[in-house]
Amino acid sequence: MIIATSESIAGKRISAVLGMVRGNTIRARHIGKDVVAAFKNLAGGEITDYTKMLAESREQALDRMIEDAESLGANAIVAVRFTTSSVMQGAAEILVYGTAVRCDDE
């Protein structure tokens, strides 16, 4: 599966546009990690537990978007974008979306 943030893919011709696809996940913070994060905030530096959690969330959302595209018969997704929003205090949604297409070599 080719995934691109651009609206086209170099060396490929889009032969069919299959529609919008998306994947999302909602993750909540862990109270124990919040305590560690609070200390890290005082001292400065990267909060690696949150970095890891967000990276895993992005990957899960991408996997779900790819599954959605494959169910439509796509072999590529173009115009991919990420967005995030707060669902409730301590929980955030990561959403990835794009356009599922079928493409061929030029």
N, C-alpha and C. Protein backbone atom coordinates (compact mmCIF):
# COMPACT_ATOMS: atom_id res chain seq x y z
N MET A 1 0.86 -1.18 0.00
CA MET A 1 0.00 0.00 0.00
C MET A 1 0.90 1.23 0.00
N ILE A 2 0.69 2.09 -0.98
CA ILE A 2 1.41 3.36 -1.05
C ILE A 2 0.59 4.40 -0.29
N ILE A 3 1.25 5.14 0.59
CA ILE A 3 0.58 6.19 1.35
C ILE A 3 1.33 7.49 1.10
N ALA A 4 0.60 8.52 0.66
CA ALA A 4 1.24 9.79 0.33
C ALA A 4 0.43 10.96 0.88
N THR A 5 1.15 11.98 1.33
CA THR A 5 0.47 13.20 1.77
C THR A 5 0.14 14.10 0.58
N SER A 6 0.76 13.84 -0.56
CA SER A 6 0.48 14.62 -1.77
C SER A 6 -0.77 14.09 -2.46
N GLU A 7 -1.26 14.83 -3.43
CA GLU A 7 -2.46 14.42 -4.17
C GLU A 7 -2.13 13.52 -5.35
N SER A 8 -0.86 13.31 -5.61
CA SER A 8 -0.43 12.42 -6.69
C SER A 8 0.79 11.65 -6.22
N ILE A 9 1.15 10.62 -6.98
CA ILE A 9 2.30 9.78 -6.65
C ILE A 9 3.20 9.76 -7.87
N ALA A 10 4.44 10.16 -7.69
CA ALA A 10 5.38 10.21 -8.81
C ALA A 10 5.50 8.83 -9.46
N GLY A 11 5.41 8.80 -10.79
CA GLY A 11 5.54 7.56 -11.54
C GLY A 11 4.29 6.72 -11.59
N LYS A 12 3.20 7.21 -11.00
CA LYS A 12 1.93 6.47 -10.97
C LYS A 12 0.83 7.34 -11.57
N ARG A 13 -0.15 6.67 -12.14
CA ARG A 13 -1.33 7.34 -12.67
C ARG A 13 -2.53 6.82 -11.89
N ILE A 14 -3.33 7.73 -11.35
CA ILE A 14 -4.52 7.32 -10.61
C ILE A 14 -5.59 6.91 -11.61
N SER A 15 -6.00 5.65 -11.55
CA SER A 15 -6.99 5.15 -12.50
C SER A 15 -8.40 5.13 -11.90
N ALA A 16 -8.51 5.16 -10.58
CA ALA A 16 -9.83 5.18 -9.95
C ALA A 16 -9.73 5.81 -8.56
N VAL A 17 -10.68 6.68 -8.27
CA VAL A 17 -10.80 7.26 -6.93
C VAL A 17 -11.92 6.50 -6.23
N LEU A 18 -11.60 5.87 -5.11
CA LEU A 18 -12.55 4.98 -4.44
C LEU A 18 -13.26 5.62 -3.25
N GLY A 19 -12.78 6.77 -2.81
CA GLY A 19 -13.45 7.47 -1.72
C GLY A 19 -12.57 7.72 -0.52
N MET A 20 -13.12 8.45 0.42
CA MET A 20 -12.39 8.79 1.64
C MET A 20 -12.29 7.58 2.56
N VAL A 21 -11.13 7.44 3.15
CA VAL A 21 -10.90 6.38 4.15
C VAL A 21 -10.33 7.03 5.40
N ARG A 22 -10.53 6.35 6.52
CA ARG A 22 -10.05 6.92 7.78
C ARG A 22 -9.77 5.82 8.79
N GLY A 23 -9.02 6.19 9.78
CA GLY A 23 -8.75 5.32 10.92
C GLY A 23 -8.57 6.20 12.13
N ASN A 24 -9.01 5.74 13.27
CA ASN A 24 -8.84 6.54 14.47
C ASN A 24 -8.64 5.67 15.69
N THR A 25 -8.19 6.29 16.74
CA THR A 25 -8.06 5.65 18.04
C THR A 25 -8.17 6.73 19.10
N ILE A 26 -8.66 6.35 20.25
CA ILE A 26 -8.75 7.27 21.38
C ILE A 26 -7.95 6.66 22.52
N ARG A 27 -7.05 7.43 23.05
CA ARG A 27 -6.20 6.96 24.13
C ARG A 27 -6.35 7.86 25.35
N ALA A 28 -6.30 7.24 26.50
CA ALA A 28 -6.37 7.97 27.77
C ALA A 28 -5.01 7.92 28.45
N ARG A 29 -4.71 8.97 29.17
CA ARG A 29 -3.47 9.01 29.93
C ARG A 29 -3.58 8.07 31.13
N HIS A 30 -2.46 7.61 31.60
CA HIS A 30 -2.37 6.74 32.78
C HIS A 30 -1.95 7.60 33.96
N ILE A 31 -2.66 7.48 35.07
CA ILE A 31 -2.42 8.33 36.24
C ILE A 31 -0.97 8.20 36.74
N GLY A 32 -0.42 7.02 36.73
CA GLY A 32 0.97 6.83 37.16
C GLY A 32 1.95 7.55 36.26
N LYS A 33 1.68 7.53 34.96
CA LYS A 33 2.55 8.23 34.02
C LYS A 33 2.41 9.74 34.17
N ASP A 34 1.24 10.19 34.59
CA ASP A 34 1.05 11.63 34.81
C ASP A 34 1.96 12.13 35.93
N VAL A 35 2.17 11.33 36.95
CA VAL A 35 3.04 11.73 38.06
C VAL A 35 4.47 11.88 37.55
N VAL A 36 4.93 10.90 36.78
CA VAL A 36 6.27 10.96 36.21
C VAL A 36 6.38 12.17 35.28
N ALA A 37 5.34 12.41 34.48
CA ALA A 37 5.33 13.54 33.55
C ALA A 37 5.41 14.87 34.30
N ALA A 38 4.75 14.96 35.44
CA ALA A 38 4.77 16.19 36.23
C ALA A 38 6.19 16.49 36.71
N PHE A 39 6.90 15.47 37.16
CA PHE A 39 8.29 15.67 37.58
C PHE A 39 9.17 16.05 36.39
N LYS A 40 8.93 15.40 35.26
CA LYS A 40 9.70 15.68 34.05
C LYS A 40 9.44 17.12 33.59
N ASN A 41 8.21 17.59 33.78
CA ASN A 41 7.85 18.94 33.40
C ASN A 41 8.64 19.96 34.23
N LEU A 42 8.88 19.63 35.47
CA LEU A 42 9.66 20.53 36.34
C LEU A 42 11.13 20.55 35.93
N ALA A 43 11.67 19.40 35.59
CA ALA A 43 13.08 19.29 35.25
C ALA A 43 13.35 19.60 33.78
N GLY A 44 12.34 19.42 32.94
CA GLY A 44 12.51 19.63 31.51
C GLY A 44 12.91 18.34 30.82
N GLY A 45 12.70 18.30 29.53
CA GLY A 45 13.08 17.12 28.75
C GLY A 45 11.88 16.41 28.17
N GLU A 46 12.17 15.42 27.38
CA GLU A 46 11.12 14.66 26.69
C GLU A 46 10.40 13.72 27.66
N ILE A 47 9.10 13.64 27.50
CA ILE A 47 8.30 12.70 28.29
C ILE A 47 8.12 11.46 27.41
N THR A 48 9.05 10.54 27.54
CA THR A 48 9.14 9.41 26.61
C THR A 48 7.92 8.50 26.65
N ASP A 49 7.27 8.35 27.80
CA ASP A 49 6.07 7.51 27.87
C ASP A 49 4.97 8.05 26.97
N TYR A 50 4.79 9.37 26.96
CA TYR A 50 3.76 9.97 26.11
C TYR A 50 4.17 9.93 24.64
N THR A 51 5.46 10.13 24.38
CA THR A 51 5.95 10.04 23.00
C THR A 51 5.66 8.66 22.44
N LYS A 52 5.95 7.64 23.23
CA LYS A 52 5.70 6.26 22.80
C LYS A 52 4.21 6.00 22.61
N MET A 53 3.38 6.48 23.55
CA MET A 53 1.95 6.27 23.46
C MET A 53 1.38 6.92 22.19
N LEU A 54 1.81 8.13 21.89
CA LEU A 54 1.30 8.82 20.70
C LEU A 54 1.79 8.16 19.41
N ALA A 55 3.03 7.69 19.40
CA ALA A 55 3.55 6.99 18.22
C ALA A 55 2.75 5.71 17.97
N GLU A 56 2.47 4.96 19.03
CA GLU A 56 1.66 3.74 18.89
C GLU A 56 0.24 4.07 18.42
N SER A 57 -0.31 5.17 18.91
CA SER A 57 -1.65 5.58 18.51
C SER A 57 -1.69 5.94 17.03
N ARG A 58 -0.68 6.67 16.56
CA ARG A 58 -0.63 7.01 15.13
C ARG A 58 -0.54 5.76 14.28
N GLU A 59 0.28 4.81 14.68
CA GLU A 59 0.42 3.56 13.91
C GLU A 59 -0.89 2.79 13.88
N GLN A 60 -1.59 2.73 15.00
CA GLN A 60 -2.87 2.03 15.05
C GLN A 60 -3.88 2.71 14.14
N ALA A 61 -3.94 4.03 14.17
CA ALA A 61 -4.86 4.76 13.30
C ALA A 61 -4.51 4.53 11.83
N LEU A 62 -3.21 4.54 11.49
CA LEU A 62 -2.79 4.26 10.11
C LEU A 62 -3.20 2.86 9.69
N ASP A 63 -2.98 1.88 10.55
CA ASP A 63 -3.36 0.49 10.23
C ASP A 63 -4.86 0.39 9.95
N ARG A 64 -5.66 1.08 10.72
CA ARG A 64 -7.11 1.05 10.52
C ARG A 64 -7.50 1.73 9.22
N MET A 65 -6.82 2.81 8.86
CA MET A 65 -7.10 3.48 7.58
C MET A 65 -6.72 2.57 6.41
N ILE A 66 -5.60 1.91 6.52
CA ILE A 66 -5.16 0.99 5.46
C ILE A 66 -6.17 -0.14 5.29
N GLU A 67 -6.66 -0.70 6.40
CA GLU A 67 -7.68 -1.75 6.32
C GLU A 67 -8.93 -1.24 5.61
N ASP A 68 -9.33 -0.02 5.91
CA ASP A 68 -10.49 0.59 5.26
C ASP A 68 -10.26 0.70 3.76
N ALA A 69 -9.07 1.15 3.36
CA ALA A 69 -8.73 1.30 1.94
C ALA A 69 -8.68 -0.05 1.23
N GLU A 70 -8.09 -1.04 1.88
CA GLU A 70 -8.01 -2.38 1.27
C GLU A 70 -9.39 -2.97 1.06
N SER A 71 -10.31 -2.68 1.96
CA SER A 71 -11.67 -3.21 1.81
C SER A 71 -12.37 -2.62 0.58
N LEU A 72 -11.89 -1.46 0.12
CA LEU A 72 -12.44 -0.84 -1.09
C LEU A 72 -11.69 -1.28 -2.36
N GLY A 73 -10.61 -2.04 -2.19
CA GLY A 73 -9.81 -2.49 -3.33
C GLY A 73 -8.73 -1.51 -3.74
N ALA A 74 -8.35 -0.61 -2.86
CA ALA A 74 -7.32 0.40 -3.16
C ALA A 74 -5.92 -0.20 -3.06
N ASN A 75 -5.01 0.39 -3.83
CA ASN A 75 -3.60 0.02 -3.67
C ASN A 75 -2.76 1.23 -3.26
N ALA A 76 -3.45 2.36 -3.00
CA ALA A 76 -2.76 3.56 -2.54
C ALA A 76 -3.76 4.48 -1.83
N ILE A 77 -3.20 5.36 -1.00
CA ILE A 77 -4.00 6.40 -0.34
C ILE A 77 -3.25 7.71 -0.53
N VAL A 78 -3.94 8.71 -1.05
CA VAL A 78 -3.33 10.01 -1.28
C VAL A 78 -3.99 11.06 -0.39
N ALA A 79 -3.34 12.23 -0.31
CA ALA A 79 -3.84 13.37 0.47
C ALA A 79 -4.07 12.99 1.93
N VAL A 80 -3.15 12.23 2.51
CA VAL A 80 -3.27 11.76 3.88
C VAL A 80 -2.99 12.89 4.87
N ARG A 81 -3.83 12.99 5.88
CA ARG A 81 -3.70 14.01 6.91
C ARG A 81 -3.96 13.38 8.28
N PHE A 82 -3.30 13.94 9.28
CA PHE A 82 -3.53 13.55 10.68
C PHE A 82 -4.19 14.72 11.40
N THR A 83 -5.02 14.40 12.35
CA THR A 83 -5.60 15.42 13.22
C THR A 83 -5.80 14.80 14.60
N THR A 84 -5.86 15.64 15.58
CA THR A 84 -6.10 15.16 16.94
C THR A 84 -7.08 16.10 17.63
N SER A 85 -7.81 15.55 18.56
CA SER A 85 -8.75 16.37 19.33
C SER A 85 -8.91 15.78 20.72
N SER A 86 -9.23 16.63 21.65
CA SER A 86 -9.48 16.19 23.01
C SER A 86 -10.92 15.70 23.10
N VAL A 87 -11.11 14.48 23.58
CA VAL A 87 -12.44 13.90 23.71
C VAL A 87 -13.01 14.20 25.08
N MET A 88 -12.16 14.09 26.08
CA MET A 88 -12.51 14.41 27.46
C MET A 88 -11.20 14.68 28.17
N GLN A 89 -11.27 15.15 29.39
CA GLN A 89 -10.04 15.43 30.11
C GLN A 89 -9.22 14.16 30.25
N GLY A 90 -8.00 14.21 29.76
CA GLY A 90 -7.11 13.06 29.86
C GLY A 90 -7.22 12.06 28.72
N ALA A 91 -8.07 12.31 27.72
CA ALA A 91 -8.21 11.39 26.59
C ALA A 91 -8.21 12.18 25.29
N ALA A 92 -7.52 11.66 24.29
CA ALA A 92 -7.42 12.33 23.00
C ALA A 92 -7.66 11.33 21.87
N GLU A 93 -8.24 11.85 20.80
CA GLU A 93 -8.45 11.05 19.59
C GLU A 93 -7.38 11.42 18.58
N ILE A 94 -6.82 10.42 17.93
CA ILE A 94 -5.96 10.63 16.78
C ILE A 94 -6.71 10.08 15.58
N LEU A 95 -6.88 10.91 14.57
CA LEU A 95 -7.60 10.54 13.35
C LEU A 95 -6.67 10.75 12.17
N VAL A 96 -6.62 9.77 11.29
CA VAL A 96 -5.89 9.89 10.03
C VAL A 96 -6.89 9.63 8.92
N TYR A 97 -6.82 10.43 7.86
CA TYR A 97 -7.76 10.26 6.76
C TYR A 97 -7.08 10.59 5.44
N GLY A 98 -7.65 10.08 4.38
CA GLY A 98 -7.12 10.33 3.04
C GLY A 98 -8.08 9.81 2.00
N THR A 99 -7.63 9.80 0.74
CA THR A 99 -8.45 9.34 -0.37
C THR A 99 -7.89 8.03 -0.90
N ALA A 100 -8.71 7.00 -0.87
CA ALA A 100 -8.31 5.69 -1.39
C ALA A 100 -8.38 5.73 -2.91
N VAL A 101 -7.31 5.24 -3.56
CA VAL A 101 -7.27 5.23 -5.01
C VAL A 101 -6.70 3.91 -5.51
N ARG A 102 -6.94 3.65 -6.77
CA ARG A 102 -6.28 2.57 -7.48
C ARG A 102 -5.34 3.26 -8.47
N CYS A 103 -4.08 2.89 -8.47
CA CYS A 103 -3.14 3.52 -9.38
C CYS A 103 -2.31 2.48 -10.12
N ASP A 104 -1.80 2.91 -11.27
CA ASP A 104 -1.00 2.06 -12.15
C ASP A 104 0.30 2.78 -12.49
N ASP A 105 1.30 2.03 -12.93
CA ASP A 105 2.54 2.65 -13.40
C ASP A 105 2.25 3.48 -14.64
N GLU A 106 2.98 4.59 -14.76
CA GLU A 106 2.79 5.45 -15.95
C GLU A 106 3.47 4.84 -17.16
